Amino acid sequence: AGSRLDALARDMSIIESRWGKLNPAPTRKIPVLIGGGGEKKTLRIVAKHADIWHSFSDPETLERKLRILAEHGKAVGRDTSEIEISTEVGKREVEEVEQVRALGASLFTVGLSGPDYDVDAVRKWIAWRDEQNAK
């Protein structure tokens, strides 16, 4: 993964500059989502380029990684609080998801594996989302 991350870090500026040359031009800024938790490379790339960061962390780890992300942001002159945080909720307990939400996570994904798709987790998290939105 190290060489792929090096390539991503090197090439993101090129990719972003090419978006400005598209014809037709994008109607909005194209959001960049980067997933991962590597503290030296991934979070540095997230701090510089991401609009959304997909974390796979429990609340305690997420809190630490957010501090590290902020340090990387400071190094590149970016306020990382503007980066949206995404996380997978799947088999987590509601209490844990509420903790990561309190830390700033606002996008939640539910992974499903086939061939026997159990959508009960999806129903559970949609109900939780609707409950949160009603508050």
N, C-alpha and C. Protein backbone atom coordinates (compact mmCIF):
# COMPACT_ATOMS: atom_id res chain seq x y z
N ALA A 1 0.83 -1.20 0.00
CA ALA A 1 0.00 0.00 0.00
C ALA A 1 0.86 1.26 0.00
N GLY A 2 2.08 1.16 0.50
CA GLY A 2 2.94 2.33 0.59
C GLY A 2 3.21 2.99 -0.75
N SER A 3 3.52 2.19 -1.77
CA SER A 3 3.83 2.78 -3.08
C SER A 3 2.57 3.37 -3.72
N ARG A 4 1.41 2.76 -3.49
CA ARG A 4 0.16 3.31 -4.02
C ARG A 4 -0.16 4.63 -3.34
N LEU A 5 0.10 4.73 -2.05
CA LEU A 5 -0.13 5.99 -1.34
C LEU A 5 0.83 7.06 -1.81
N ASP A 6 2.07 6.68 -2.07
CA ASP A 6 3.04 7.64 -2.62
C ASP A 6 2.56 8.16 -3.97
N ALA A 7 2.04 7.26 -4.80
CA ALA A 7 1.53 7.66 -6.12
C ALA A 7 0.31 8.57 -5.97
N LEU A 8 -0.58 8.25 -5.04
CA LEU A 8 -1.75 9.09 -4.81
C LEU A 8 -1.33 10.48 -4.36
N ALA A 9 -0.41 10.55 -3.42
CA ALA A 9 0.07 11.85 -2.94
C ALA A 9 0.69 12.66 -4.08
N ARG A 10 1.44 12.00 -4.92
CA ARG A 10 2.10 12.66 -6.05
C ARG A 10 1.08 13.12 -7.09
N ASP A 11 0.08 12.30 -7.35
CA ASP A 11 -0.81 12.53 -8.49
C ASP A 11 -2.06 13.35 -8.18
N MET A 12 -2.42 13.52 -6.91
CA MET A 12 -3.65 14.26 -6.59
C MET A 12 -3.62 15.68 -7.14
N SER A 13 -2.52 16.35 -7.05
CA SER A 13 -2.44 17.72 -7.58
C SER A 13 -2.66 17.74 -9.09
N ILE A 14 -2.14 16.74 -9.77
CA ILE A 14 -2.33 16.64 -11.22
C ILE A 14 -3.80 16.39 -11.52
N ILE A 15 -4.41 15.46 -10.79
CA ILE A 15 -5.83 15.14 -10.99
C ILE A 15 -6.68 16.39 -10.76
N GLU A 16 -6.43 17.08 -9.66
CA GLU A 16 -7.22 18.27 -9.34
C GLU A 16 -7.05 19.36 -10.40
N SER A 17 -5.86 19.53 -10.92
CA SER A 17 -5.65 20.56 -11.94
C SER A 17 -6.37 20.20 -13.24
N ARG A 18 -6.49 18.93 -13.53
CA ARG A 18 -7.16 18.51 -14.77
C ARG A 18 -8.67 18.74 -14.70
N TRP A 19 -9.24 18.69 -13.50
CA TRP A 19 -10.68 18.94 -13.37
C TRP A 19 -11.03 20.33 -13.89
N GLY A 20 -10.14 21.29 -13.69
CA GLY A 20 -10.39 22.65 -14.16
C GLY A 20 -10.34 22.79 -15.67
N LYS A 21 -9.86 21.76 -16.35
CA LYS A 21 -9.73 21.81 -17.81
C LYS A 21 -10.79 20.96 -18.51
N LEU A 22 -11.68 20.34 -17.75
CA LEU A 22 -12.70 19.49 -18.35
C LEU A 22 -13.67 20.32 -19.18
N ASN A 23 -14.15 19.72 -20.27
CA ASN A 23 -15.13 20.37 -21.10
C ASN A 23 -16.21 19.35 -21.44
N PRO A 24 -17.40 19.50 -20.91
CA PRO A 24 -17.86 20.64 -20.12
C PRO A 24 -17.26 20.62 -18.72
N ALA A 25 -17.18 21.80 -18.14
CA ALA A 25 -16.63 21.94 -16.79
C ALA A 25 -17.59 21.33 -15.77
N PRO A 26 -17.06 20.80 -14.68
CA PRO A 26 -17.94 20.29 -13.63
C PRO A 26 -18.85 21.42 -13.12
N THR A 27 -20.06 21.07 -12.72
CA THR A 27 -21.00 22.07 -12.22
C THR A 27 -20.75 22.42 -10.76
N ARG A 28 -19.87 21.67 -10.12
CA ARG A 28 -19.49 21.93 -8.73
C ARG A 28 -18.12 21.34 -8.50
N LYS A 29 -17.56 21.63 -7.34
CA LYS A 29 -16.28 21.01 -6.98
C LYS A 29 -16.48 19.50 -6.88
N ILE A 30 -15.62 18.75 -7.49
CA ILE A 30 -15.71 17.29 -7.41
C ILE A 30 -15.16 16.87 -6.05
N PRO A 31 -16.01 16.25 -5.21
CA PRO A 31 -15.53 15.87 -3.88
C PRO A 31 -14.56 14.70 -3.93
N VAL A 32 -13.56 14.76 -3.09
CA VAL A 32 -12.55 13.70 -2.99
C VAL A 32 -12.78 12.96 -1.68
N LEU A 33 -13.03 11.65 -1.76
CA LEU A 33 -13.17 10.81 -0.58
C LEU A 33 -11.95 9.91 -0.52
N ILE A 34 -11.28 9.94 0.62
CA ILE A 34 -10.12 9.07 0.84
C ILE A 34 -10.40 8.27 2.10
N GLY A 35 -10.23 6.96 2.02
CA GLY A 35 -10.45 6.10 3.16
C GLY A 35 -9.15 5.51 3.65
N GLY A 36 -9.08 5.31 4.95
CA GLY A 36 -7.90 4.69 5.54
C GLY A 36 -7.49 5.40 6.81
N GLY A 37 -6.58 4.79 7.52
CA GLY A 37 -6.20 5.35 8.81
C GLY A 37 -4.72 5.47 9.05
N GLY A 38 -3.91 5.24 8.03
CA GLY A 38 -2.46 5.36 8.21
C GLY A 38 -2.09 6.75 8.66
N GLU A 39 -1.40 6.84 9.77
CA GLU A 39 -1.17 8.13 10.41
C GLU A 39 -0.08 8.95 9.73
N LYS A 40 0.86 8.30 9.06
CA LYS A 40 1.96 9.04 8.43
C LYS A 40 1.64 9.44 7.00
N LYS A 41 1.10 8.53 6.21
CA LYS A 41 0.86 8.83 4.80
C LYS A 41 -0.60 9.16 4.51
N THR A 42 -1.50 8.25 4.85
CA THR A 42 -2.90 8.44 4.48
C THR A 42 -3.47 9.72 5.06
N LEU A 43 -3.29 9.94 6.35
CA LEU A 43 -3.88 11.13 6.96
C LEU A 43 -3.23 12.41 6.45
N ARG A 44 -1.98 12.35 6.04
CA ARG A 44 -1.34 13.52 5.44
C ARG A 44 -1.99 13.84 4.09
N ILE A 45 -2.28 12.80 3.30
CA ILE A 45 -2.95 13.00 2.01
C ILE A 45 -4.38 13.51 2.24
N VAL A 46 -5.06 12.94 3.22
CA VAL A 46 -6.41 13.39 3.57
C VAL A 46 -6.39 14.88 3.91
N ALA A 47 -5.45 15.28 4.76
CA ALA A 47 -5.36 16.67 5.20
C ALA A 47 -5.18 17.62 4.02
N LYS A 48 -4.45 17.20 3.03
CA LYS A 48 -4.15 18.08 1.90
C LYS A 48 -5.25 18.07 0.84
N HIS A 49 -5.89 16.91 0.60
CA HIS A 49 -6.74 16.79 -0.58
C HIS A 49 -8.19 16.40 -0.33
N ALA A 50 -8.52 15.75 0.77
CA ALA A 50 -9.84 15.15 0.90
C ALA A 50 -10.92 16.14 1.31
N ASP A 51 -12.10 15.91 0.78
CA ASP A 51 -13.31 16.58 1.24
C ASP A 51 -14.02 15.69 2.25
N ILE A 52 -13.83 14.37 2.07
CA ILE A 52 -14.44 13.38 2.95
C ILE A 52 -13.35 12.37 3.31
N TRP A 53 -13.30 12.02 4.59
CA TRP A 53 -12.37 10.99 5.05
C TRP A 53 -13.19 9.84 5.61
N HIS A 54 -13.00 8.63 5.05
CA HIS A 54 -13.68 7.45 5.57
C HIS A 54 -12.75 6.76 6.56
N SER A 55 -13.17 6.77 7.81
CA SER A 55 -12.40 6.17 8.89
C SER A 55 -13.00 4.82 9.26
N PHE A 56 -12.15 3.93 9.67
CA PHE A 56 -12.59 2.62 10.11
C PHE A 56 -12.35 2.46 11.61
N SER A 57 -12.33 3.57 12.34
CA SER A 57 -11.86 3.60 13.72
C SER A 57 -12.97 3.51 14.75
N ASP A 58 -12.64 2.92 15.89
CA ASP A 58 -13.52 3.00 17.05
C ASP A 58 -13.38 4.41 17.62
N PRO A 59 -14.27 4.81 18.55
CA PRO A 59 -14.24 6.19 19.04
C PRO A 59 -12.89 6.64 19.61
N GLU A 60 -12.26 5.81 20.40
CA GLU A 60 -10.98 6.19 21.01
C GLU A 60 -9.91 6.42 19.94
N THR A 61 -9.85 5.52 18.99
CA THR A 61 -8.87 5.65 17.91
C THR A 61 -9.20 6.83 17.01
N LEU A 62 -10.48 7.04 16.74
CA LEU A 62 -10.89 8.17 15.91
C LEU A 62 -10.47 9.49 16.54
N GLU A 63 -10.65 9.60 17.84
CA GLU A 63 -10.26 10.83 18.53
C GLU A 63 -8.76 11.11 18.34
N ARG A 64 -7.93 10.06 18.47
CA ARG A 64 -6.49 10.21 18.27
C ARG A 64 -6.17 10.57 16.82
N LYS A 65 -6.81 9.89 15.89
CA LYS A 65 -6.52 10.14 14.47
C LYS A 65 -6.98 11.54 14.05
N LEU A 66 -8.04 12.05 14.66
CA LEU A 66 -8.47 13.42 14.35
C LEU A 66 -7.43 14.43 14.81
N ARG A 67 -6.79 14.17 15.94
CA ARG A 67 -5.71 15.05 16.39
C ARG A 67 -4.54 15.01 15.40
N ILE A 68 -4.19 13.81 14.96
CA ILE A 68 -3.09 13.66 13.99
C ILE A 68 -3.46 14.32 12.67
N LEU A 69 -4.71 14.14 12.23
CA LEU A 69 -5.18 14.78 11.01
C LEU A 69 -5.06 16.30 11.12
N ALA A 70 -5.44 16.84 12.27
CA ALA A 70 -5.34 18.30 12.49
C ALA A 70 -3.88 18.76 12.41
N GLU A 71 -2.96 17.96 12.95
CA GLU A 71 -1.53 18.31 12.86
C GLU A 71 -1.07 18.33 11.41
N HIS A 72 -1.48 17.34 10.63
CA HIS A 72 -1.14 17.32 9.20
C HIS A 72 -1.77 18.53 8.50
N GLY A 73 -2.99 18.86 8.88
CA GLY A 73 -3.66 20.02 8.29
C GLY A 73 -2.91 21.31 8.57
N LYS A 74 -2.46 21.44 9.80
CA LYS A 74 -1.70 22.63 10.18
C LYS A 74 -0.44 22.74 9.33
N ALA A 75 0.19 21.60 9.07
CA ALA A 75 1.44 21.59 8.29
C ALA A 75 1.21 22.04 6.84
N VAL A 76 -0.01 21.81 6.32
CA VAL A 76 -0.29 22.22 4.93
C VAL A 76 -1.18 23.45 4.87
N GLY A 77 -1.45 24.06 6.02
CA GLY A 77 -2.26 25.27 6.05
C GLY A 77 -3.74 25.06 5.82
N ARG A 78 -4.27 23.95 6.33
CA ARG A 78 -5.69 23.65 6.13
C ARG A 78 -6.37 23.37 7.45
N ASP A 79 -7.57 23.92 7.60
CA ASP A 79 -8.42 23.61 8.75
C ASP A 79 -9.13 22.30 8.45
N THR A 80 -8.73 21.24 9.10
CA THR A 80 -9.28 19.91 8.78
C THR A 80 -10.69 19.71 9.33
N SER A 81 -11.20 20.67 10.10
CA SER A 81 -12.59 20.54 10.56
C SER A 81 -13.57 20.65 9.40
N GLU A 82 -13.10 21.13 8.24
CA GLU A 82 -13.96 21.22 7.07
C GLU A 82 -14.06 19.88 6.33
N ILE A 83 -13.29 18.89 6.74
CA ILE A 83 -13.33 17.57 6.11
C ILE A 83 -14.46 16.77 6.75
N GLU A 84 -15.37 16.27 5.91
CA GLU A 84 -16.47 15.46 6.41
C GLU A 84 -15.94 14.08 6.78
N ILE A 85 -16.46 13.53 7.87
CA ILE A 85 -15.99 12.22 8.34
C ILE A 85 -17.07 11.18 8.05
N SER A 86 -16.63 10.10 7.45
CA SER A 86 -17.49 8.98 7.09
C SER A 86 -16.99 7.75 7.84
N THR A 87 -17.91 6.86 8.19
CA THR A 87 -17.51 5.62 8.86
C THR A 87 -18.53 4.52 8.57
N GLU A 88 -18.11 3.30 8.72
CA GLU A 88 -18.98 2.14 8.52
C GLU A 88 -19.65 1.81 9.85
N VAL A 89 -20.97 1.59 9.82
CA VAL A 89 -21.69 1.30 11.06
C VAL A 89 -22.06 -0.17 11.21
N GLY A 90 -22.34 -0.84 10.13
CA GLY A 90 -22.66 -2.26 10.08
C GLY A 90 -23.04 -2.96 11.36
N LYS A 91 -22.06 -3.59 11.99
CA LYS A 91 -22.31 -4.42 13.17
C LYS A 91 -21.98 -3.71 14.48
N ARG A 92 -21.74 -2.42 14.43
CA ARG A 92 -21.44 -1.67 15.65
C ARG A 92 -22.69 -1.50 16.50
N GLU A 93 -22.44 -1.26 17.77
CA GLU A 93 -23.54 -0.93 18.68
C GLU A 93 -23.89 0.55 18.50
N VAL A 94 -25.15 0.89 18.74
CA VAL A 94 -25.62 2.26 18.60
C VAL A 94 -24.78 3.21 19.45
N GLU A 95 -24.45 2.81 20.65
CA GLU A 95 -23.68 3.67 21.55
C GLU A 95 -22.34 4.07 20.92
N GLU A 96 -21.67 3.13 20.29
CA GLU A 96 -20.38 3.41 19.66
C GLU A 96 -20.55 4.37 18.47
N VAL A 97 -21.60 4.16 17.69
CA VAL A 97 -21.85 5.04 16.55
C VAL A 97 -22.19 6.45 17.04
N GLU A 98 -22.93 6.54 18.11
CA GLU A 98 -23.24 7.87 18.67
C GLU A 98 -21.96 8.55 19.16
N GLN A 99 -21.00 7.78 19.64
CA GLN A 99 -19.73 8.36 20.08
C GLN A 99 -18.94 8.90 18.88
N VAL A 100 -18.88 8.15 17.78
CA VAL A 100 -18.15 8.65 16.62
C VAL A 100 -18.90 9.82 15.98
N ARG A 101 -20.22 9.80 16.09
CA ARG A 101 -21.00 10.95 15.61
C ARG A 101 -20.67 12.19 16.44
N ALA A 102 -20.56 12.03 17.74
CA ALA A 102 -20.21 13.16 18.61
C ALA A 102 -18.82 13.70 18.29
N LEU A 103 -17.95 12.85 17.75
CA LEU A 103 -16.60 13.28 17.35
C LEU A 103 -16.59 13.95 15.98
N GLY A 104 -17.73 13.93 15.29
CA GLY A 104 -17.82 14.63 14.02
C GLY A 104 -18.23 13.80 12.82
N ALA A 105 -18.35 12.48 12.96
CA ALA A 105 -18.76 11.66 11.82
C ALA A 105 -20.19 12.03 11.43
N SER A 106 -20.41 12.21 10.13
CA SER A 106 -21.74 12.59 9.67
C SER A 106 -22.23 11.76 8.49
N LEU A 107 -21.36 10.95 7.93
CA LEU A 107 -21.74 10.04 6.85
C LEU A 107 -21.51 8.62 7.33
N PHE A 108 -22.52 7.77 7.14
CA PHE A 108 -22.45 6.41 7.67
C PHE A 108 -22.77 5.41 6.57
N THR A 109 -21.96 4.37 6.48
CA THR A 109 -22.17 3.33 5.48
C THR A 109 -22.47 2.00 6.16
N VAL A 110 -23.20 1.16 5.45
CA VAL A 110 -23.51 -0.18 5.92
C VAL A 110 -23.06 -1.14 4.84
N GLY A 111 -22.11 -2.01 5.16
CA GLY A 111 -21.63 -2.98 4.19
C GLY A 111 -22.48 -4.24 4.22
N LEU A 112 -22.75 -4.78 3.05
CA LEU A 112 -23.50 -6.03 2.93
C LEU A 112 -22.68 -7.01 2.11
N SER A 113 -22.76 -8.28 2.48
CA SER A 113 -22.07 -9.32 1.73
C SER A 113 -23.07 -10.35 1.26
N GLY A 114 -22.94 -10.76 0.04
CA GLY A 114 -23.85 -11.75 -0.52
C GLY A 114 -23.26 -13.13 -0.45
N PRO A 115 -23.90 -14.14 -0.90
CA PRO A 115 -25.13 -14.02 -1.69
C PRO A 115 -26.40 -13.88 -0.85
N ASP A 116 -26.34 -14.15 0.44
CA ASP A 116 -27.52 -14.04 1.30
C ASP A 116 -27.49 -12.69 2.01
N TYR A 117 -28.07 -11.69 1.39
CA TYR A 117 -28.02 -10.33 1.93
C TYR A 117 -28.98 -10.19 3.09
N ASP A 118 -28.45 -9.84 4.24
CA ASP A 118 -29.26 -9.58 5.43
C ASP A 118 -29.41 -8.07 5.54
N VAL A 119 -30.57 -7.57 5.18
CA VAL A 119 -30.78 -6.12 5.18
C VAL A 119 -31.31 -5.60 6.51
N ASP A 120 -31.37 -6.46 7.52
CA ASP A 120 -31.83 -5.99 8.84
C ASP A 120 -30.95 -4.88 9.37
N ALA A 121 -29.64 -4.97 9.15
CA ALA A 121 -28.73 -3.91 9.62
C ALA A 121 -29.05 -2.60 8.92
N VAL A 122 -29.38 -2.66 7.65
CA VAL A 122 -29.73 -1.45 6.92
C VAL A 122 -30.99 -0.83 7.53
N ARG A 123 -31.99 -1.65 7.79
CA ARG A 123 -33.23 -1.14 8.40
C ARG A 123 -32.94 -0.50 9.76
N LYS A 124 -32.11 -1.16 10.55
CA LYS A 124 -31.76 -0.66 11.89
C LYS A 124 -31.13 0.73 11.79
N TRP A 125 -30.17 0.88 10.88
CA TRP A 125 -29.45 2.15 10.80
C TRP A 125 -30.26 3.23 10.11
N ILE A 126 -31.17 2.87 9.22
CA ILE A 126 -32.08 3.88 8.64
C ILE A 126 -33.01 4.40 9.72
N ALA A 127 -33.51 3.50 10.57
CA ALA A 127 -34.38 3.93 11.68
C ALA A 127 -33.60 4.84 12.63
N TRP A 128 -32.35 4.49 12.92
CA TRP A 128 -31.52 5.34 13.80
C TRP A 128 -31.30 6.70 13.16
N ARG A 129 -30.98 6.71 11.87
CA ARG A 129 -30.77 7.98 11.16
C ARG A 129 -32.02 8.86 11.22
N ASP A 130 -33.17 8.25 10.96
CA ASP A 130 -34.42 9.02 10.98
C ASP A 130 -34.70 9.57 12.37
N GLU A 131 -34.38 8.79 13.39
CA GLU A 131 -34.55 9.25 14.77
C GLU A 131 -33.63 10.44 15.06
N GLN A 132 -32.38 10.36 14.59
CA GLN A 132 -31.44 11.47 14.80
C GLN A 132 -31.89 12.72 14.06
N ASN A 133 -32.37 12.55 12.84
CA ASN A 133 -32.80 13.69 12.04
C ASN A 133 -34.06 14.35 12.59
N ALA A 134 -34.86 13.58 13.32
CA ALA A 134 -36.10 14.13 13.90
C ALA A 134 -35.82 14.98 15.14
N LYS A 135 -34.62 14.85 15.70
CA LYS A 135 -34.30 15.60 16.92
C LYS A 135 -34.09 17.06 16.64
